[in-house]
Amino acid sequence: MADRPLPPPEDVGQTALVTTRNLPAVGILLVAVALSAGCGSDDDGSPTATPSLSSEAAPTGLPTPQATPGADGATPPSAAAQGTTQRRPASPPPVVLPKRPASAPGAKQVVDAFRAAGLKVPRPKDRSVDCGPDGLGLGCSELMATDAVTVYVFPDETSASDIAETWGGQSYQRGAVVLNYLEAKTPAADRPRYEKVLNGLG
């Protein structure tokens, strides 16, 4: 390797002077580059960066599925109500009692006659409803019960006679009217008085 001649001392001093003068400019340039790099990194990592609209607004192209009732879905309330509704049985028609003969006194009329004659007829009660099939089923037309005697009026004398016979000596028949002593336990001594008043009614 050939030896190169060294530059003169004057040239070396000038080169060093130029290098020293350029140092501040180079430092400023490096600081500017560093700041630019720092700002760029802050923007990239910011949590408030604007999200991409393509991922949110992009249509999928598929229709939104609608919920369909499963096989085990609950029964609609209206259908359940119809299934549990039961038909109420129709109310039975009112019992129509047979009419008493026009010639026979009414049960209330007989009781009023007993009271007018001074005979005991405490707590009279109209029990004509018991004449029907839902009651005693005797087929009577009218029935008045008291604590002393019970008065039955039948639609005809034949029906009255049949019932009087079933009660034996505990009853008295006059036409379509039957006095029952069994239910009220009428004393035997008082029975002729009731019978006399009934006979007087014609």
N, C-alpha and C. Protein backbone atom coordinates (compact mmCIF):
# COMPACT_ATOMS: atom_id res chain seq x y z
N MET A 1 0.85 -1.18 0.00
CA MET A 1 0.00 0.00 0.00
C MET A 1 0.88 1.22 0.00
N ALA A 2 0.66 2.13 -0.95
CA ALA A 2 1.51 3.32 -1.08
C ALA A 2 1.13 4.35 -0.09
N ASP A 3 2.09 4.97 0.43
CA ASP A 3 1.82 6.02 1.41
C ASP A 3 1.32 7.24 0.69
N ARG A 4 0.10 7.71 1.24
CA ARG A 4 -0.46 8.93 0.68
C ARG A 4 0.09 10.12 1.46
N PRO A 5 0.30 11.21 0.82
CA PRO A 5 0.79 12.39 1.54
C PRO A 5 -0.31 12.99 2.38
N LEU A 6 -0.03 13.38 3.58
CA LEU A 6 -0.97 14.01 4.50
C LEU A 6 -1.31 15.39 4.01
N PRO A 7 -2.59 15.81 4.23
CA PRO A 7 -2.97 17.15 3.81
C PRO A 7 -2.29 18.18 4.67
N PRO A 8 -2.21 19.31 4.15
CA PRO A 8 -1.56 20.37 4.93
C PRO A 8 -2.40 20.70 6.16
N PRO A 9 -1.79 21.19 7.22
CA PRO A 9 -2.51 21.52 8.46
C PRO A 9 -3.61 22.52 8.25
N GLU A 10 -3.50 23.39 7.30
CA GLU A 10 -4.55 24.39 7.10
C GLU A 10 -5.83 23.73 6.63
N ASP A 11 -5.68 22.70 5.72
CA ASP A 11 -6.89 22.02 5.21
C ASP A 11 -7.58 21.24 6.30
N VAL A 12 -6.83 20.61 7.18
CA VAL A 12 -7.45 19.84 8.29
C VAL A 12 -8.23 20.74 9.20
N GLY A 13 -7.75 21.87 9.46
CA GLY A 13 -8.48 22.79 10.34
C GLY A 13 -9.76 23.27 9.73
N GLN A 14 -9.76 23.51 8.43
CA GLN A 14 -11.00 23.97 7.78
C GLN A 14 -12.06 22.87 7.80
N THR A 15 -11.64 21.59 7.56
CA THR A 15 -12.61 20.49 7.57
C THR A 15 -13.24 20.31 8.93
N ALA A 16 -12.46 20.40 9.95
CA ALA A 16 -13.02 20.28 11.31
C ALA A 16 -13.97 21.39 11.62
N LEU A 17 -13.64 22.59 11.12
CA LEU A 17 -14.53 23.73 11.38
C LEU A 17 -15.87 23.56 10.71
N VAL A 18 -15.85 23.03 9.48
CA VAL A 18 -17.13 22.82 8.77
C VAL A 18 -17.98 21.78 9.49
N THR A 19 -17.38 20.70 9.94
CA THR A 19 -18.13 19.64 10.64
C THR A 19 -18.75 20.16 11.91
N THR A 20 -18.03 21.00 12.63
CA THR A 20 -18.56 21.54 13.89
C THR A 20 -19.73 22.45 13.64
N ARG A 21 -19.71 23.20 12.59
CA ARG A 21 -20.80 24.12 12.28
C ARG A 21 -22.07 23.38 11.86
N ASN A 22 -21.93 22.21 11.24
CA ASN A 22 -23.11 21.47 10.76
C ASN A 22 -23.78 20.63 11.85
N LEU A 23 -23.20 20.46 12.99
CA LEU A 23 -23.79 19.63 14.06
C LEU A 23 -25.15 20.13 14.54
N PRO A 24 -25.36 21.41 14.80
CA PRO A 24 -26.71 21.85 15.25
C PRO A 24 -27.81 21.55 14.24
N ALA A 25 -27.51 21.71 12.97
CA ALA A 25 -28.54 21.44 11.95
C ALA A 25 -28.91 19.98 11.90
N VAL A 26 -27.91 19.12 12.05
CA VAL A 26 -28.19 17.68 12.04
C VAL A 26 -29.01 17.27 13.26
N GLY A 27 -28.73 17.86 14.40
CA GLY A 27 -29.51 17.53 15.62
C GLY A 27 -30.96 17.94 15.50
N ILE A 28 -31.20 19.12 14.94
CA ILE A 28 -32.59 19.58 14.77
C ILE A 28 -33.34 18.64 13.84
N LEU A 29 -32.66 18.17 12.79
CA LEU A 29 -33.31 17.26 11.85
C LEU A 29 -33.68 15.94 12.51
N LEU A 30 -32.79 15.43 13.35
CA LEU A 30 -33.08 14.17 14.05
C LEU A 30 -34.26 14.31 15.02
N VAL A 31 -34.31 15.46 15.72
CA VAL A 31 -35.44 15.68 16.65
C VAL A 31 -36.76 15.74 15.89
N ALA A 32 -36.79 16.40 14.73
CA ALA A 32 -38.03 16.49 13.94
C ALA A 32 -38.49 15.13 13.47
N VAL A 33 -37.53 14.29 13.05
CA VAL A 33 -37.90 12.94 12.60
C VAL A 33 -38.46 12.12 13.76
N ALA A 34 -37.86 12.26 14.92
CA ALA A 34 -38.35 11.51 16.09
C ALA A 34 -39.76 11.92 16.48
N LEU A 35 -40.03 13.23 16.45
CA LEU A 35 -41.37 13.70 16.80
C LEU A 35 -42.41 13.20 15.80
N SER A 36 -42.03 13.22 14.53
CA SER A 36 -42.97 12.72 13.52
C SER A 36 -43.29 11.26 13.73
N ALA A 37 -42.30 10.48 14.07
CA ALA A 37 -42.55 9.05 14.32
C ALA A 37 -43.41 8.83 15.54
N GLY A 38 -43.20 9.65 16.58
CA GLY A 38 -44.02 9.50 17.80
C GLY A 38 -45.47 9.84 17.57
N CYS A 39 -45.74 10.91 16.83
CA CYS A 39 -47.14 11.27 16.55
C CYS A 39 -47.83 10.21 15.73
N GLY A 40 -47.15 9.62 14.83
CA GLY A 40 -47.78 8.57 14.03
C GLY A 40 -48.14 7.36 14.85
N SER A 41 -47.31 6.99 15.78
CA SER A 41 -47.63 5.83 16.63
C SER A 41 -48.79 6.10 17.55
N ASP A 42 -48.91 7.39 18.03
CA ASP A 42 -50.04 7.72 18.90
C ASP A 42 -51.34 7.62 18.15
N ASP A 43 -51.42 8.07 16.92
CA ASP A 43 -52.66 8.01 16.15
C ASP A 43 -53.07 6.59 15.87
N ASP A 44 -52.06 5.72 15.60
CA ASP A 44 -52.40 4.33 15.28
C ASP A 44 -52.95 3.60 16.48
N GLY A 45 -52.49 3.92 17.67
CA GLY A 45 -52.95 3.20 18.87
C GLY A 45 -54.07 3.86 19.60
N SER A 46 -54.62 4.96 19.12
CA SER A 46 -55.70 5.67 19.81
C SER A 46 -56.95 4.82 19.87
N PRO A 47 -57.59 4.71 21.06
CA PRO A 47 -58.82 3.91 21.17
C PRO A 47 -59.99 4.53 20.46
N THR A 48 -59.92 5.83 20.13
CA THR A 48 -61.04 6.51 19.47
C THR A 48 -60.90 6.51 17.97
N ALA A 49 -60.03 5.66 17.47
CA ALA A 49 -59.88 5.61 16.01
C ALA A 49 -61.21 5.24 15.37
N THR A 50 -61.52 5.85 14.27
CA THR A 50 -62.79 5.63 13.58
C THR A 50 -62.86 4.21 13.06
N PRO A 51 -63.88 3.43 13.46
CA PRO A 51 -63.98 2.05 12.99
C PRO A 51 -64.36 2.01 11.52
N SER A 52 -64.03 0.92 10.91
CA SER A 52 -64.35 0.75 9.50
C SER A 52 -65.85 0.56 9.32
N LEU A 53 -66.44 1.32 8.43
CA LEU A 53 -67.86 1.23 8.18
C LEU A 53 -68.22 0.01 7.36
N SER A 54 -67.25 -0.54 6.68
CA SER A 54 -67.57 -1.67 5.81
C SER A 54 -67.97 -2.89 6.60
N SER A 55 -67.39 -3.05 7.83
CA SER A 55 -67.71 -4.24 8.63
C SER A 55 -69.07 -4.15 9.27
N GLU A 56 -69.59 -2.92 9.53
CA GLU A 56 -70.88 -2.77 10.20
C GLU A 56 -72.03 -2.63 9.22
N ALA A 57 -71.82 -1.85 8.20
CA ALA A 57 -72.93 -1.56 7.30
C ALA A 57 -73.02 -2.50 6.13
N ALA A 58 -72.05 -3.38 6.00
CA ALA A 58 -72.08 -4.26 4.83
C ALA A 58 -73.22 -5.24 4.96
N PRO A 59 -74.14 -5.31 4.03
CA PRO A 59 -75.27 -6.25 4.10
C PRO A 59 -74.78 -7.67 3.91
N THR A 60 -75.42 -8.57 4.62
CA THR A 60 -75.06 -9.98 4.52
C THR A 60 -75.71 -10.66 3.33
N GLY A 61 -76.81 -10.07 2.84
CA GLY A 61 -77.47 -10.68 1.70
C GLY A 61 -78.43 -11.79 2.07
N LEU A 62 -78.55 -12.10 3.39
CA LEU A 62 -79.45 -13.17 3.83
C LEU A 62 -80.61 -12.57 4.58
N PRO A 63 -81.85 -13.05 4.40
CA PRO A 63 -83.01 -12.51 5.14
C PRO A 63 -82.92 -12.89 6.60
N THR A 64 -83.48 -12.00 7.43
CA THR A 64 -83.48 -12.25 8.87
C THR A 64 -84.46 -13.38 9.18
N PRO A 65 -84.00 -14.44 9.83
CA PRO A 65 -84.92 -15.55 10.13
C PRO A 65 -85.97 -15.14 11.14
N GLN A 66 -87.19 -15.57 10.95
CA GLN A 66 -88.29 -15.27 11.87
C GLN A 66 -88.53 -16.46 12.77
N ALA A 67 -88.88 -16.12 14.05
CA ALA A 67 -89.12 -17.19 15.03
C ALA A 67 -90.38 -17.95 14.66
N THR A 68 -90.26 -19.23 14.59
CA THR A 68 -91.41 -20.08 14.29
C THR A 68 -91.76 -20.90 15.50
N PRO A 69 -93.04 -21.06 15.82
CA PRO A 69 -93.42 -21.85 17.00
C PRO A 69 -93.00 -23.28 16.83
N GLY A 70 -92.41 -23.82 17.86
CA GLY A 70 -91.98 -25.21 17.84
C GLY A 70 -93.15 -26.15 17.99
N ALA A 71 -92.83 -27.40 17.84
CA ALA A 71 -93.88 -28.42 17.97
C ALA A 71 -94.44 -28.46 19.37
N ASP A 72 -93.56 -28.09 20.33
CA ASP A 72 -94.00 -28.13 21.74
C ASP A 72 -94.39 -26.75 22.23
N GLY A 73 -94.73 -25.82 21.32
CA GLY A 73 -95.06 -24.46 21.73
C GLY A 73 -96.30 -24.44 22.59
N ALA A 74 -96.40 -23.36 23.38
CA ALA A 74 -97.56 -23.25 24.27
C ALA A 74 -98.82 -23.03 23.47
N THR A 75 -99.92 -23.61 23.94
CA THR A 75 -101.21 -23.46 23.26
C THR A 75 -101.72 -22.05 23.47
N PRO A 76 -102.22 -21.38 22.44
CA PRO A 76 -102.75 -20.03 22.62
C PRO A 76 -103.81 -20.01 23.70
N PRO A 77 -103.87 -18.87 24.46
CA PRO A 77 -104.87 -18.80 25.55
C PRO A 77 -106.29 -19.04 25.08
N SER A 78 -106.63 -18.52 23.88
CA SER A 78 -108.01 -18.70 23.41
C SER A 78 -108.34 -20.15 23.19
N ALA A 79 -107.35 -20.89 22.61
CA ALA A 79 -107.60 -22.31 22.37
C ALA A 79 -107.69 -23.07 23.67
N ALA A 80 -106.82 -22.68 24.65
CA ALA A 80 -106.88 -23.36 25.95
C ALA A 80 -108.20 -23.10 26.64
N ALA A 81 -108.69 -21.85 26.52
CA ALA A 81 -109.97 -21.54 27.17
C ALA A 81 -111.11 -22.33 26.56
N GLN A 82 -111.06 -22.49 25.21
CA GLN A 82 -112.12 -23.25 24.57
C GLN A 82 -112.06 -24.71 24.94
N GLY A 83 -110.82 -25.21 25.14
CA GLY A 83 -110.68 -26.62 25.46
C GLY A 83 -111.16 -26.95 26.86
N THR A 84 -111.00 -25.98 27.79
CA THR A 84 -111.39 -26.24 29.17
C THR A 84 -112.82 -25.84 29.47
N THR A 85 -113.45 -25.11 28.56
CA THR A 85 -114.83 -24.69 28.82
C THR A 85 -115.76 -25.89 28.74
N GLN A 86 -116.57 -26.04 29.75
CA GLN A 86 -117.52 -27.13 29.78
C GLN A 86 -118.93 -26.56 29.69
N ARG A 87 -119.74 -27.27 29.00
CA ARG A 87 -121.12 -26.83 28.86
C ARG A 87 -121.88 -27.12 30.14
N ARG A 88 -122.52 -26.11 30.63
CA ARG A 88 -123.34 -26.30 31.83
C ARG A 88 -124.66 -26.95 31.44
N PRO A 89 -125.07 -27.88 32.25
CA PRO A 89 -126.36 -28.50 31.92
C PRO A 89 -127.48 -27.49 32.00
N ALA A 90 -128.39 -27.62 31.10
CA ALA A 90 -129.53 -26.69 31.08
C ALA A 90 -130.35 -26.85 32.35
N SER A 91 -130.85 -25.72 32.85
CA SER A 91 -131.67 -25.76 34.05
C SER A 91 -132.93 -26.56 33.78
N PRO A 92 -133.28 -27.41 34.72
CA PRO A 92 -134.50 -28.19 34.51
C PRO A 92 -135.72 -27.28 34.45
N PRO A 93 -136.67 -27.62 33.65
CA PRO A 93 -137.87 -26.79 33.57
C PRO A 93 -138.60 -26.79 34.90
N PRO A 94 -139.26 -25.71 35.22
CA PRO A 94 -140.01 -25.67 36.48
C PRO A 94 -141.08 -26.75 36.53
N VAL A 95 -141.26 -27.26 37.73
CA VAL A 95 -142.25 -28.32 37.92
C VAL A 95 -143.65 -27.72 37.80
N VAL A 96 -144.44 -28.31 36.94
CA VAL A 96 -145.83 -27.86 36.77
C VAL A 96 -146.73 -28.83 37.53
N LEU A 97 -147.34 -28.33 38.58
CA LEU A 97 -148.21 -29.18 39.40
C LEU A 97 -149.60 -29.26 38.79
N PRO A 98 -150.25 -30.38 38.97
CA PRO A 98 -151.63 -30.50 38.46
C PRO A 98 -152.57 -29.57 39.22
N LYS A 99 -153.57 -29.11 38.54
CA LYS A 99 -154.52 -28.20 39.17
C LYS A 99 -155.51 -28.98 40.03
N ARG A 100 -155.89 -28.38 41.11
CA ARG A 100 -156.90 -29.00 41.97
C ARG A 100 -158.28 -28.82 41.34
N PRO A 101 -159.22 -29.67 41.67
CA PRO A 101 -160.59 -29.53 41.14
C PRO A 101 -161.20 -28.20 41.57
N ALA A 102 -162.02 -27.66 40.72
CA ALA A 102 -162.67 -26.38 41.05
C ALA A 102 -163.59 -26.50 42.25
N SER A 103 -164.11 -27.69 42.50
CA SER A 103 -165.03 -27.88 43.63
C SER A 103 -164.31 -28.07 44.96
N ALA A 104 -163.01 -28.31 44.91
CA ALA A 104 -162.26 -28.58 46.14
C ALA A 104 -161.68 -27.28 46.70
N PRO A 105 -161.68 -27.12 48.02
CA PRO A 105 -161.07 -25.93 48.62
C PRO A 105 -159.54 -26.01 48.49
N GLY A 106 -158.91 -24.87 48.48
CA GLY A 106 -157.46 -24.84 48.44
C GLY A 106 -156.87 -25.17 49.81
N ALA A 107 -155.61 -25.57 49.83
CA ALA A 107 -154.96 -25.93 51.09
C ALA A 107 -154.91 -24.74 52.04
N LYS A 108 -154.60 -23.55 51.52
CA LYS A 108 -154.56 -22.37 52.38
C LYS A 108 -155.95 -22.03 52.91
N GLN A 109 -156.96 -22.24 52.09
CA GLN A 109 -158.33 -21.99 52.52
C GLN A 109 -158.71 -22.90 53.68
N VAL A 110 -158.27 -24.15 53.64
CA VAL A 110 -158.56 -25.09 54.73
C VAL A 110 -157.87 -24.65 56.01
N VAL A 111 -156.61 -24.24 55.90
CA VAL A 111 -155.87 -23.80 57.09
C VAL A 111 -156.52 -22.55 57.69
N ASP A 112 -156.94 -21.63 56.83
CA ASP A 112 -157.60 -20.42 57.33
C ASP A 112 -158.91 -20.77 58.05
N ALA A 113 -159.63 -21.78 57.56
CA ALA A 113 -160.87 -22.20 58.21
C ALA A 113 -160.59 -22.80 59.58
N PHE A 114 -159.50 -23.57 59.69
CA PHE A 114 -159.14 -24.12 61.00
C PHE A 114 -158.83 -22.99 61.99
N ARG A 115 -158.11 -22.00 61.54
CA ARG A 115 -157.76 -20.89 62.42
C ARG A 115 -159.01 -20.13 62.83
N ALA A 116 -159.93 -19.92 61.89
CA ALA A 116 -161.17 -19.19 62.21
C ALA A 116 -162.02 -19.94 63.21
N ALA A 117 -161.92 -21.27 63.22
CA ALA A 117 -162.69 -22.09 64.16
C ALA A 117 -161.99 -22.21 65.51
N GLY A 118 -160.87 -21.56 65.68
CA GLY A 118 -160.16 -21.61 66.96
C GLY A 118 -159.23 -22.80 67.10
N LEU A 119 -158.96 -23.52 66.01
CA LEU A 119 -158.06 -24.67 66.07
C LEU A 119 -156.60 -24.20 65.88
N LYS A 120 -155.70 -24.97 66.42
CA LYS A 120 -154.29 -24.61 66.34
C LYS A 120 -153.73 -24.95 64.95
N VAL A 121 -153.11 -23.98 64.33
CA VAL A 121 -152.40 -24.18 63.06
C VAL A 121 -151.10 -23.35 63.10
N PRO A 122 -150.21 -23.66 64.04
CA PRO A 122 -149.00 -22.84 64.19
C PRO A 122 -148.02 -23.03 63.03
N ARG A 123 -147.35 -21.96 62.72
CA ARG A 123 -146.29 -21.93 61.69
C ARG A 123 -146.72 -22.59 60.37
N PRO A 124 -147.74 -22.06 59.73
CA PRO A 124 -148.14 -22.62 58.43
C PRO A 124 -147.07 -22.34 57.37
N LYS A 125 -146.87 -23.28 56.50
CA LYS A 125 -145.85 -23.14 55.45
C LYS A 125 -146.33 -23.82 54.18
N ASP A 126 -146.26 -23.08 53.09
CA ASP A 126 -146.64 -23.64 51.79
C ASP A 126 -145.51 -24.53 51.27
N ARG A 127 -145.78 -25.80 51.15
CA ARG A 127 -144.79 -26.77 50.68
C ARG A 127 -145.27 -27.46 49.40
N SER A 128 -146.00 -26.72 48.59
CA SER A 128 -146.54 -27.30 47.36
C SER A 128 -145.45 -27.81 46.44
N VAL A 129 -144.25 -27.21 46.52
CA VAL A 129 -143.15 -27.66 45.67
C VAL A 129 -142.77 -29.11 45.96
N ASP A 130 -143.07 -29.57 47.17
CA ASP A 130 -142.77 -30.97 47.52
C ASP A 130 -143.70 -31.96 46.83
N CYS A 131 -144.75 -31.47 46.22
CA CYS A 131 -145.67 -32.38 45.52
C CYS A 131 -145.06 -32.92 44.24
N GLY A 132 -144.07 -32.20 43.69
CA GLY A 132 -143.48 -32.60 42.41
C GLY A 132 -142.48 -33.72 42.54
N PRO A 133 -141.87 -34.12 41.42
CA PRO A 133 -140.93 -35.24 41.41
C PRO A 133 -139.66 -34.97 42.20
N ASP A 134 -139.28 -33.68 42.37
CA ASP A 134 -138.09 -33.36 43.14
C ASP A 134 -138.35 -33.37 44.64
N GLY A 135 -139.62 -33.44 45.03
CA GLY A 135 -139.96 -33.47 46.45
C GLY A 135 -140.47 -34.84 46.86
N LEU A 136 -141.65 -34.87 47.44
CA LEU A 136 -142.24 -36.13 47.86
C LEU A 136 -142.74 -36.94 46.68
N GLY A 137 -143.02 -36.25 45.59
CA GLY A 137 -143.47 -36.96 44.40
C GLY A 137 -144.84 -37.60 44.56
N LEU A 138 -145.71 -36.99 45.37
CA LEU A 138 -147.03 -37.57 45.62
C LEU A 138 -148.04 -37.18 44.54
N GLY A 139 -147.68 -36.21 43.71
CA GLY A 139 -148.61 -35.81 42.66
C GLY A 139 -149.73 -34.93 43.16
N CYS A 140 -149.55 -34.29 44.30
CA CYS A 140 -150.60 -33.42 44.81
C CYS A 140 -150.56 -32.07 44.11
N SER A 141 -151.62 -31.32 44.27
CA SER A 141 -151.71 -30.00 43.66
C SER A 141 -151.26 -28.91 44.61
N GLU A 142 -151.61 -29.05 45.90
CA GLU A 142 -151.24 -28.06 46.91
C GLU A 142 -150.90 -28.78 48.21
N LEU A 143 -150.04 -28.14 49.00
CA LEU A 143 -149.63 -28.73 50.27
C LEU A 143 -149.32 -27.61 51.25
N MET A 144 -150.04 -27.60 52.38
CA MET A 144 -149.81 -26.64 53.47
C MET A 144 -149.51 -27.43 54.73
N ALA A 145 -148.34 -27.16 55.32
CA ALA A 145 -147.94 -27.87 56.54
C ALA A 145 -147.99 -26.92 57.72
N THR A 146 -148.49 -27.43 58.87
CA THR A 146 -148.47 -26.69 60.14
C THR A 146 -147.96 -27.64 61.22
N ASP A 147 -147.73 -27.09 62.40
CA ASP A 147 -147.27 -27.94 63.50
C ASP A 147 -148.41 -28.76 64.11
N ALA A 148 -149.65 -28.55 63.63
CA ALA A 148 -150.79 -29.30 64.18
C ALA A 148 -151.35 -30.31 63.19
N VAL A 149 -151.38 -29.98 61.91
CA VAL A 149 -151.95 -30.86 60.89
C VAL A 149 -151.39 -30.44 59.53
N THR A 150 -151.34 -31.39 58.59
CA THR A 150 -150.86 -31.11 57.23
C THR A 150 -152.01 -31.34 56.26
N VAL A 151 -152.21 -30.38 55.35
CA VAL A 151 -153.33 -30.42 54.42
C VAL A 151 -152.80 -30.68 53.00
N TYR A 152 -153.32 -31.74 52.37
CA TYR A 152 -152.99 -32.08 50.99
C TYR A 152 -154.23 -31.90 50.13
N VAL A 153 -154.06 -31.33 48.95
CA VAL A 153 -155.14 -31.24 47.97
C VAL A 153 -154.66 -31.91 46.69
N PHE A 154 -155.42 -32.88 46.19
CA PHE A 154 -155.04 -33.65 45.01
C PHE A 154 -155.87 -33.24 43.81
N PRO A 155 -155.43 -33.58 42.61
CA PRO A 155 -156.19 -33.18 41.41
C PRO A 155 -157.50 -33.93 41.24
N ASP A 156 -157.67 -35.04 41.96
CA ASP A 156 -158.92 -35.80 41.86
C ASP A 156 -159.09 -36.63 43.13
N GLU A 157 -160.31 -37.13 43.34
CA GLU A 157 -160.61 -37.89 44.55
C GLU A 157 -159.91 -39.25 44.56
N THR A 158 -159.70 -39.83 43.38
CA THR A 158 -159.05 -41.14 43.32
C THR A 158 -157.62 -41.06 43.87
N SER A 159 -156.89 -40.05 43.44
CA SER A 159 -155.52 -39.88 43.94
C SER A 159 -155.52 -39.62 45.44
N ALA A 160 -156.49 -38.82 45.90
CA ALA A 160 -156.58 -38.54 47.33
C ALA A 160 -156.88 -39.81 48.12
N SER A 161 -157.78 -40.63 47.60
CA SER A 161 -158.14 -41.87 48.30
C SER A 161 -156.95 -42.83 48.38
N ASP A 162 -156.18 -42.93 47.30
CA ASP A 162 -155.03 -43.84 47.29
C ASP A 162 -154.00 -43.43 48.35
N ILE A 163 -153.75 -42.14 48.46
CA ILE A 163 -152.76 -41.67 49.45
C ILE A 163 -153.29 -41.87 50.86
N ALA A 164 -154.59 -41.58 51.06
CA ALA A 164 -155.16 -41.73 52.40
C ALA A 164 -155.06 -43.17 52.89
N GLU A 165 -155.22 -44.12 51.98
CA GLU A 165 -155.12 -45.53 52.36
C GLU A 165 -153.70 -45.91 52.78
N THR A 166 -152.71 -45.33 52.10
CA THR A 166 -151.32 -45.66 52.46
C THR A 166 -150.97 -45.14 53.85
N TRP A 167 -151.65 -44.09 54.29
CA TRP A 167 -151.36 -43.54 55.61
C TRP A 167 -152.21 -44.20 56.71
N GLY A 168 -153.10 -45.07 56.32
CA GLY A 168 -153.90 -45.81 57.30
C GLY A 168 -154.74 -44.90 58.17
N GLY A 169 -154.70 -45.15 59.46
CA GLY A 169 -155.52 -44.39 60.41
C GLY A 169 -154.93 -43.05 60.78
N GLN A 170 -153.85 -42.62 60.11
CA GLN A 170 -153.22 -41.34 60.44
C GLN A 170 -153.63 -40.23 59.47
N SER A 171 -154.78 -40.42 58.80
CA SER A 171 -155.21 -39.42 57.83
C SER A 171 -156.73 -39.40 57.75
N TYR A 172 -157.24 -38.35 57.10
CA TYR A 172 -158.68 -38.23 56.88
C TYR A 172 -158.88 -37.61 55.50
N GLN A 173 -159.77 -38.24 54.70
CA GLN A 173 -160.03 -37.77 53.35
C GLN A 173 -161.43 -37.20 53.24
N ARG A 174 -161.53 -36.10 52.53
CA ARG A 174 -162.82 -35.49 52.20
C ARG A 174 -162.71 -34.98 50.77
N GLY A 175 -163.26 -35.73 49.81
CA GLY A 175 -163.15 -35.35 48.41
C GLY A 175 -161.70 -35.42 47.96
N ALA A 176 -161.18 -34.32 47.44
CA ALA A 176 -159.80 -34.28 46.96
C ALA A 176 -158.82 -33.81 48.04
N VAL A 177 -159.35 -33.57 49.27
CA VAL A 177 -158.52 -33.06 50.36
C VAL A 177 -158.22 -34.19 51.33
N VAL A 178 -156.96 -34.25 51.77
CA VAL A 178 -156.54 -35.25 52.76
C VAL A 178 -155.84 -34.53 53.89
N LEU A 179 -156.28 -34.82 55.13
CA LEU A 179 -155.60 -34.31 56.32
C LEU A 179 -154.63 -35.38 56.81
N ASN A 180 -153.38 -35.00 56.99
CA ASN A 180 -152.36 -35.93 57.47
C ASN A 180 -152.02 -35.57 58.92
N TYR A 181 -152.25 -36.54 59.81
CA TYR A 181 -151.94 -36.32 61.23
C TYR A 181 -150.56 -36.86 61.61
N LEU A 182 -149.98 -37.67 60.75
CA LEU A 182 -148.74 -38.35 61.09
C LEU A 182 -147.56 -37.38 61.17
N GLU A 183 -147.47 -36.49 60.20
CA GLU A 183 -146.33 -35.57 60.17
C GLU A 183 -146.36 -34.61 61.35
N ALA A 184 -147.55 -34.09 61.69
CA ALA A 184 -147.66 -33.11 62.77
C ALA A 184 -147.96 -33.74 64.12
N LYS A 185 -148.20 -35.05 64.13
CA LYS A 185 -148.51 -35.76 65.39
C LYS A 185 -149.69 -35.10 66.10
N THR A 186 -150.78 -34.95 65.33
CA THR A 186 -151.98 -34.34 65.90
C THR A 186 -152.58 -35.25 66.97
N PRO A 187 -152.88 -34.72 68.14
CA PRO A 187 -153.51 -35.56 69.18
C PRO A 187 -154.83 -36.15 68.67
N ALA A 188 -155.08 -37.38 69.01
CA ALA A 188 -156.30 -38.07 68.55
C ALA A 188 -157.55 -37.34 69.00
N ALA A 189 -157.54 -36.70 70.16
CA ALA A 189 -158.74 -36.01 70.66
C ALA A 189 -159.07 -34.78 69.82
N ASP A 190 -158.09 -34.19 69.15
CA ASP A 190 -158.34 -32.98 68.37
C ASP A 190 -158.70 -33.27 66.91
N ARG A 191 -158.49 -34.47 66.45
CA ARG A 191 -158.70 -34.78 65.04
C ARG A 191 -160.15 -34.59 64.60
N PRO A 192 -161.16 -35.04 65.37
CA PRO A 192 -162.55 -34.84 64.92
C PRO A 192 -162.90 -33.38 64.70
N ARG A 193 -162.29 -32.48 65.42
CA ARG A 193 -162.61 -31.06 65.26
C ARG A 193 -162.10 -30.54 63.91
N TYR A 194 -160.92 -30.97 63.53
CA TYR A 194 -160.40 -30.56 62.22
C TYR A 194 -161.25 -31.15 61.09
N GLU A 195 -161.64 -32.40 61.27
CA GLU A 195 -162.44 -33.07 60.24
C GLU A 195 -163.80 -32.40 60.09
N LYS A 196 -164.38 -31.95 61.20
CA LYS A 196 -165.68 -31.29 61.14
C LYS A 196 -165.60 -29.98 60.37
N VAL A 197 -164.55 -29.23 60.61
CA VAL A 197 -164.38 -27.96 59.89
C VAL A 197 -164.19 -28.23 58.39
N LEU A 198 -163.41 -29.27 58.05
CA LEU A 198 -163.20 -29.60 56.64
C LEU A 198 -164.51 -30.00 55.97
N ASN A 199 -165.31 -30.78 56.66
CA ASN A 199 -166.59 -31.20 56.09
C ASN A 199 -167.51 -30.01 55.87
N GLY A 200 -167.39 -28.99 56.69
CA GLY A 200 -168.24 -27.81 56.55
C GLY A 200 -167.86 -26.95 55.36
N LEU A 201 -166.72 -27.19 54.77
CA LEU A 201 -166.32 -26.39 53.61
C LEU A 201 -166.98 -26.87 52.32
N GLY A 202 -167.77 -27.94 52.43
CA GLY A 202 -168.52 -28.43 51.28
C GLY A 202 -167.69 -29.28 50.39
